[in-house]
Amino acid sequence: MFVTTEQLPFHKLLEVLGGALAGFGASRLPDLFDPPISPNHRDIAHAIVPVGIAVAACRDYVPKSQIQLRSYADSLAAQRAMSHSMSDFEYVTTIVIEVLCRLLTGALIGAPAGYLSHLALDAFTARGLPLVTAGL
């Protein structure tokens, strides 16, 4: 279940950027966890069952967290717009936190997508993916 909301184009751009950066980084994780030191290097980080369980566990968490992060980022923007007594430090701090929230909103979906894209590509190699570990 993915919830879409109307956002400013810049906010959407920040989410896409966060998703792209997290996806790029997470796409490298399976080989960091199971280093490719031999042709049989694929172990639990490449395994179908553990990764499937992790994805299932995050299924409800991601959309709810994205809603909360967007709401918090919007409240920070509204706080800046309504407050005329905010110090320069507070003003800049709310901007930084708002941008980080929007980047993280995208990262929450980009990271799993990057990780799974790595596994999808590995699945179509001669070695394929193990069910649980390389030994099984």
Protein backbone atom coordinates (compact mmCIF):
# COMPACT_ATOMS: atom_id res chain seq x y z
CA MET A 1 0.00 0.00 0.00
CA PHE A 2 1.53 3.27 -1.11
CA VAL A 3 -0.07 6.55 -0.22
CA THR A 4 0.39 9.47 -2.56
CA THR A 5 -0.06 13.05 -1.53
CA GLU A 6 0.09 16.28 -3.44
CA GLN A 7 3.44 17.88 -2.89
CA LEU A 8 5.41 20.76 -4.27
CA PRO A 9 7.69 19.74 -7.15
CA PHE A 10 10.80 20.56 -5.10
CA HIS A 11 9.61 18.25 -2.31
CA LYS A 12 9.07 15.45 -4.83
CA LEU A 13 12.56 16.09 -6.21
CA LEU A 14 14.07 15.75 -2.73
CA GLU A 15 12.26 12.43 -2.23
CA VAL A 16 13.47 11.13 -5.59
CA LEU A 17 17.02 12.23 -4.77
CA GLY A 18 16.83 10.50 -1.38
CA GLY A 19 15.49 7.35 -3.01
CA ALA A 20 18.17 7.36 -5.70
CA LEU A 21 21.02 7.84 -3.22
CA ALA A 22 19.70 5.19 -0.84
CA GLY A 23 18.98 2.80 -3.71
CA PHE A 24 22.49 3.19 -5.06
CA GLY A 25 24.01 2.57 -1.64
CA ALA A 26 21.72 -0.32 -0.74
CA SER A 27 22.34 -2.02 -4.08
CA ARG A 28 25.89 -2.61 -2.89
CA LEU A 29 24.94 -4.08 0.48
CA PRO A 30 24.46 -7.75 -0.48
CA ASP A 31 28.07 -7.98 -1.69
CA LEU A 32 29.30 -6.10 1.39
CA PHE A 33 27.52 -8.58 3.66
CA ASP A 34 28.52 -11.60 1.53
CA PRO A 35 31.82 -10.52 -0.07
CA PRO A 36 32.40 -11.97 -3.56
CA ILE A 37 35.60 -13.83 -2.65
CA SER A 38 34.54 -16.97 -4.53
CA PRO A 39 31.90 -18.00 -7.08
CA ASN A 40 29.89 -19.47 -4.17
CA HIS A 41 29.93 -16.27 -2.12
CA ARG A 42 26.17 -15.88 -1.91
CA ASP A 43 24.95 -16.58 1.59
CA ILE A 44 22.22 -15.22 3.85
CA ALA A 45 22.32 -11.63 2.51
CA HIS A 46 21.49 -13.02 -0.94
CA ALA A 47 19.04 -15.66 0.28
CA ILE A 48 15.39 -15.63 -0.77
CA VAL A 49 13.77 -16.56 2.57
CA PRO A 50 15.57 -14.10 4.92
CA VAL A 51 15.25 -11.22 2.48
CA GLY A 52 11.59 -12.07 1.88
CA ILE A 53 10.93 -12.03 5.63
CA ALA A 54 12.66 -8.64 5.95
CA VAL A 55 10.63 -7.19 3.08
CA ALA A 56 7.39 -8.52 4.57
CA ALA A 57 8.29 -7.03 7.96
CA CYS A 58 8.83 -3.59 6.39
CA ARG A 59 5.72 -3.65 4.21
CA ASP A 60 3.54 -1.65 6.61
CA TYR A 61 6.36 0.29 8.24
CA VAL A 62 7.54 2.14 5.12
CA PRO A 63 4.27 3.86 4.05
CA LYS A 64 3.41 4.85 7.63
CA SER A 65 6.89 6.25 8.19
CA GLN A 66 6.75 8.18 4.92
CA ILE A 67 3.46 9.78 5.99
CA GLN A 68 4.94 10.75 9.35
CA LEU A 69 8.09 12.20 7.79
CA ARG A 70 6.14 14.23 5.22
CA SER A 71 3.83 15.52 7.94
CA TYR A 72 6.75 16.55 10.14
CA ALA A 73 8.53 18.23 7.22
CA ASP A 74 5.35 20.11 6.32
CA SER A 75 4.91 21.21 9.94
CA LEU A 76 8.46 22.59 9.98
CA ALA A 77 7.77 24.56 6.79
CA ALA A 78 4.53 25.90 8.28
CA GLN A 79 6.33 26.80 11.50
CA ARG A 80 8.84 28.88 9.53
CA ALA A 81 6.09 30.60 7.57
CA MET A 82 4.08 31.50 10.68
CA SER A 83 6.88 32.51 13.03
CA HIS A 84 8.36 35.97 12.79
CA SER A 85 10.36 35.67 16.01
CA MET A 86 12.48 32.70 14.97
CA SER A 87 16.24 33.18 15.30
CA ASP A 88 18.49 32.66 12.30
CA PHE A 89 19.80 29.46 13.87
CA GLU A 90 16.27 28.09 14.38
CA TYR A 91 15.29 29.09 10.85
CA VAL A 92 18.27 27.31 9.26
CA THR A 93 17.87 24.30 11.55
CA THR A 94 14.24 23.81 10.54
CA ILE A 95 15.25 23.99 6.86
CA VAL A 96 17.98 21.37 7.33
CA ILE A 97 15.70 19.03 9.28
CA GLU A 98 12.89 19.46 6.74
CA VAL A 99 15.22 18.61 3.84
CA LEU A 100 16.58 15.57 5.72
CA CYS A 101 13.01 14.37 6.40
CA ARG A 102 12.14 14.64 2.71
CA LEU A 103 15.35 12.85 1.66
CA LEU A 104 14.68 10.10 4.21
CA THR A 105 11.11 9.74 2.93
CA GLY A 106 12.48 8.77 -0.46
CA ALA A 107 15.27 6.68 1.04
CA LEU A 108 12.75 4.48 2.83
CA ILE A 109 11.56 3.11 -0.50
CA GLY A 110 14.80 3.56 -2.46
CA ALA A 111 16.93 1.43 -0.16
CA PRO A 112 14.80 -1.73 -0.38
CA ALA A 113 14.41 -1.19 -4.12
CA GLY A 114 18.18 -0.96 -4.57
CA TYR A 115 18.84 -4.04 -2.46
CA LEU A 116 16.18 -6.04 -4.28
CA SER A 117 17.44 -4.89 -7.69
CA HIS A 118 20.85 -6.36 -6.83
CA LEU A 119 19.21 -9.67 -5.93
CA ALA A 120 17.05 -9.62 -9.05
CA LEU A 121 20.13 -9.29 -11.23
CA ASP A 122 21.97 -12.01 -9.29
CA ALA A 123 18.98 -14.32 -9.60
CA PHE A 124 19.49 -14.54 -13.36
CA THR A 125 23.14 -15.57 -13.17
CA ALA A 126 24.28 -19.19 -13.40
CA ARG A 127 24.72 -19.34 -9.60
CA GLY A 128 21.26 -17.90 -8.86
CA LEU A 129 20.20 -17.20 -5.29
CA PRO A 130 20.21 -19.57 -2.32
CA LEU A 131 16.96 -20.35 -0.56
CA VAL A 132 18.31 -19.78 2.97
CA THR A 133 22.14 -19.97 2.89
CA ALA A 134 24.79 -21.11 0.46
CA GLY A 135 24.88 -24.47 2.25
CA LEU A 136 21.16 -25.15 1.71
